Amino acid sequence: MSTNTVTVSVGFDYQGQHYELSNVIDIEYIIYHDDFFNAVYLSIARANNIDLYSYKLDVILDQTIIFSNAKGCVEDCVNNGKLDLTLLRENYQQTEYLPKIKLIAEQFKIHDNITIALVDAYLLGKKSS
């Protein structure tokens, strides 16, 4: 498991019983899903043996996901149980790609500021896209 993880939880009542379901998810596997939050709901359901074609899943999908125990690039993205997905994607890209850019810059180091210039160019390109 990677170091970029978060615990996701939902609580709900179904057929007279209260459920508190949770799962620890590795962000790397779902960070670029088109429907990130739906992928989180489905991961909670799978981890807790909830049939993906059940009424219980329908109830889960109506609940608010609570995020906690964030680690790695997720840490600064969780506030009061809510996840800032835009910030998470930015943080993930930086932790994923910046070390690679710095390694390339070190291999072709001609001037002390080349590393800074490459990193700045990368970040500027990400902001404009």
Protein backbone atom coordinates (compact mmCIF):
# COMPACT_ATOMS: atom_id res chain seq x y z
CA MET A 1 0.00 0.00 0.00
CA SER A 2 1.28 3.47 -0.83
CA THR A 3 1.76 6.30 1.59
CA ASN A 4 -1.09 8.31 0.04
CA THR A 5 -4.07 6.90 1.91
CA VAL A 6 -7.21 8.09 3.64
CA THR A 7 -9.93 6.41 5.68
CA VAL A 8 -13.42 6.87 4.22
CA SER A 9 -16.57 6.24 6.24
CA VAL A 10 -20.34 6.42 5.93
CA GLY A 11 -22.98 5.89 8.58
CA PHE A 12 -26.60 5.04 7.85
CA ASP A 13 -29.68 3.16 9.01
CA TYR A 14 -31.12 0.34 6.93
CA GLN A 15 -33.97 -2.01 7.83
CA GLY A 16 -33.85 -1.06 11.49
CA GLN A 17 -30.09 -1.47 11.87
CA HIS A 18 -27.40 1.19 12.12
CA TYR A 19 -24.26 0.73 10.02
CA GLU A 20 -20.88 2.46 10.27
CA LEU A 21 -18.85 1.33 7.28
CA SER A 22 -15.31 2.36 6.47
CA ASN A 23 -12.38 1.53 4.26
CA VAL A 24 -8.80 2.72 3.89
CA ILE A 25 -8.25 3.68 0.27
CA ASP A 26 -5.05 4.14 -1.65
CA ILE A 27 -5.46 7.37 -3.59
CA GLU A 28 -3.26 6.14 -6.45
CA TYR A 29 -5.94 3.73 -7.61
CA ILE A 30 -8.78 6.24 -7.89
CA ILE A 31 -7.23 9.71 -8.17
CA TYR A 32 -8.04 10.09 -11.87
CA HIS A 33 -11.46 8.44 -11.97
CA ASP A 34 -13.99 10.62 -13.78
CA ASP A 35 -16.35 10.20 -10.84
CA PHE A 36 -13.93 10.11 -7.91
CA PHE A 37 -16.56 10.17 -5.18
CA ASN A 38 -18.61 7.39 -6.77
CA ALA A 39 -15.44 5.29 -6.82
CA VAL A 40 -15.04 5.99 -3.09
CA TYR A 41 -18.62 4.85 -2.39
CA LEU A 42 -18.05 1.66 -4.37
CA SER A 43 -14.79 0.95 -2.54
CA ILE A 44 -16.61 1.24 0.79
CA ALA A 45 -19.32 -1.13 -0.45
CA ARG A 46 -16.84 -3.71 -1.77
CA ALA A 47 -14.72 -3.60 1.39
CA ASN A 48 -17.82 -4.26 3.49
CA ASN A 49 -19.31 -7.02 1.28
CA ILE A 50 -22.22 -4.90 0.06
CA ASP A 51 -23.73 -6.19 -3.18
CA LEU A 52 -23.32 -3.59 -5.92
CA TYR A 53 -26.92 -4.23 -7.02
CA SER A 54 -28.59 -3.86 -3.64
CA TYR A 55 -30.88 -1.35 -1.95
CA LYS A 56 -28.26 -1.01 0.77
CA LEU A 57 -25.86 0.44 -1.80
CA ASP A 58 -28.55 2.92 -2.86
CA VAL A 59 -28.75 4.08 0.76
CA ILE A 60 -24.96 4.35 0.98
CA LEU A 61 -24.87 6.53 -2.13
CA ASP A 62 -27.17 9.03 -0.39
CA GLN A 63 -24.83 9.47 2.58
CA THR A 64 -22.03 11.98 3.09
CA ILE A 65 -18.56 10.47 2.99
CA ILE A 66 -16.40 11.33 6.00
CA PHE A 67 -12.66 11.46 5.31
CA SER A 68 -10.12 10.92 8.12
CA ASN A 69 -6.62 9.63 8.90
CA ALA A 70 -5.17 11.21 5.77
CA LYS A 71 -1.57 10.32 4.98
CA GLY A 72 0.89 11.48 2.36
CA CYS A 73 -0.33 13.95 -0.23
CA VAL A 74 -3.87 13.68 1.17
CA GLU A 75 -3.02 15.24 4.57
CA ASP A 76 -3.56 18.90 3.68
CA CYS A 77 -6.66 18.10 1.61
CA VAL A 78 -8.98 16.94 4.41
CA ASN A 79 -10.67 19.49 6.64
CA ASN A 80 -13.50 18.65 9.06
CA GLY A 81 -14.13 15.33 7.31
CA LYS A 82 -14.40 16.88 3.85
CA LEU A 83 -11.99 16.33 0.98
CA ASP A 84 -10.85 19.08 -1.39
CA LEU A 85 -10.51 17.02 -4.58
CA THR A 86 -8.93 19.81 -6.63
CA LEU A 87 -6.21 20.33 -4.03
CA LEU A 88 -5.71 16.57 -3.73
CA ARG A 89 -5.11 16.20 -7.45
CA GLU A 90 -2.64 19.10 -7.40
CA ASN A 91 -0.79 17.66 -4.39
CA TYR A 92 -0.72 14.20 -5.93
CA GLN A 93 0.72 15.49 -9.19
CA GLN A 94 3.41 17.40 -7.34
CA THR A 95 4.42 14.45 -5.16
CA GLU A 96 4.30 12.12 -8.16
CA TYR A 97 6.04 14.21 -10.83
CA LEU A 98 8.28 16.78 -9.16
CA PRO A 99 10.85 14.23 -7.93
CA LYS A 100 11.08 12.88 -11.49
CA ILE A 101 11.56 16.38 -12.92
CA LYS A 102 14.26 17.13 -10.35
CA LEU A 103 16.05 13.89 -11.23
CA ILE A 104 16.04 14.83 -14.93
CA ALA A 105 17.28 18.32 -14.09
CA GLU A 106 20.14 16.87 -12.03
CA GLN A 107 21.20 14.63 -14.92
CA PHE A 108 21.43 17.59 -17.30
CA LYS A 109 22.59 20.18 -14.81
CA ILE A 110 24.35 23.01 -16.64
CA HIS A 111 23.45 25.85 -14.35
CA ASP A 112 22.39 25.92 -10.70
CA ASN A 113 18.97 27.37 -11.52
CA ILE A 114 17.99 24.77 -14.15
CA THR A 115 16.18 22.63 -11.57
CA ILE A 116 14.16 25.58 -10.33
CA ALA A 117 13.35 26.64 -13.90
CA LEU A 118 12.14 23.17 -14.87
CA VAL A 119 9.99 22.83 -11.76
CA ASP A 120 8.53 26.32 -12.26
CA ALA A 121 7.80 25.56 -15.92
CA TYR A 122 6.06 22.33 -14.98
CA LEU A 123 3.93 24.02 -12.32
CA LEU A 124 3.03 26.88 -14.68
CA GLY A 125 1.99 24.38 -17.33
CA LYS A 126 -0.21 22.50 -14.84
CA LYS A 127 -1.92 25.73 -13.74
CA SER A 128 -2.71 26.75 -17.32
CA SER A 129 -4.19 23.38 -18.30
